[in-house]
Protein backbone atom coordinates (compact mmCIF):
# COMPACT_ATOMS: atom_id res chain seq x y z
CA MET A 1 -26.49 69.53 73.62
CA LEU A 2 -25.74 70.55 70.57
CA LYS A 3 -29.13 71.46 69.12
CA GLU A 4 -28.90 73.97 72.52
CA LEU A 5 -25.61 75.39 71.26
CA VAL A 6 -27.00 76.05 67.99
CA ILE A 7 -30.00 77.85 69.05
CA GLU A 8 -27.72 80.01 71.50
CA ARG A 9 -25.25 80.75 68.54
CA MET A 10 -28.28 81.56 66.55
CA ALA A 11 -29.37 84.17 68.99
CA GLU A 12 -26.13 85.76 69.64
CA ASN A 13 -26.06 86.40 65.68
CA ASP A 14 -29.24 87.91 65.65
CA GLU A 15 -28.17 90.72 68.47
CA ILE A 16 -25.14 91.26 66.41
CA VAL A 17 -27.01 91.60 63.13
CA THR A 18 -29.49 93.97 65.01
CA ARG A 19 -26.73 95.89 66.32
CA ILE A 20 -25.13 96.53 62.57
CA PHE A 21 -28.26 97.45 61.08
CA ASP A 22 -29.19 100.03 63.98
CA ASP A 23 -25.86 101.28 64.35
CA LYS A 24 -24.53 103.51 61.33
CA ASP A 25 -21.13 103.65 62.47
CA LEU A 26 -20.73 100.35 63.57
CA GLY A 27 -22.36 99.00 60.12
CA SER A 28 -20.13 101.30 58.11
CA ASP A 29 -17.48 99.64 59.98
CA ALA A 30 -18.57 95.90 59.41
CA LEU A 31 -19.18 96.78 56.06
CA LEU A 32 -15.40 97.70 55.33
CA GLN A 33 -13.77 95.12 57.34
CA LEU A 34 -15.86 92.65 55.29
CA ALA A 35 -14.96 94.25 52.26
CA ARG A 36 -10.93 93.98 53.08
CA GLN A 37 -11.56 90.36 53.88
CA LEU A 38 -13.41 90.02 50.48
CA TYR A 39 -10.59 91.74 48.48
CA THR A 40 -7.94 89.72 50.24
CA SER A 41 -9.36 86.47 49.49
CA ILE A 42 -10.01 87.25 46.27
CA ARG A 43 -6.27 88.58 45.75
CA ALA A 44 -4.94 85.72 47.29
CA VAL A 45 -6.61 83.26 44.75
CA SER A 46 -6.06 85.18 41.76
CA LEU A 47 -1.89 85.26 42.85
CA GLN A 48 -2.19 81.59 42.71
């Protein structure tokens, strides 16, 4: 059962990644969101 769930999740991720690379607007939005999360995480660690 776990194996099937992992394989299913990998397939879903593949579809999402393909959409992000194919759709420039979606890719830009995803990159912006990732950059925000990264900045927030780094800032939180540096303030400790």
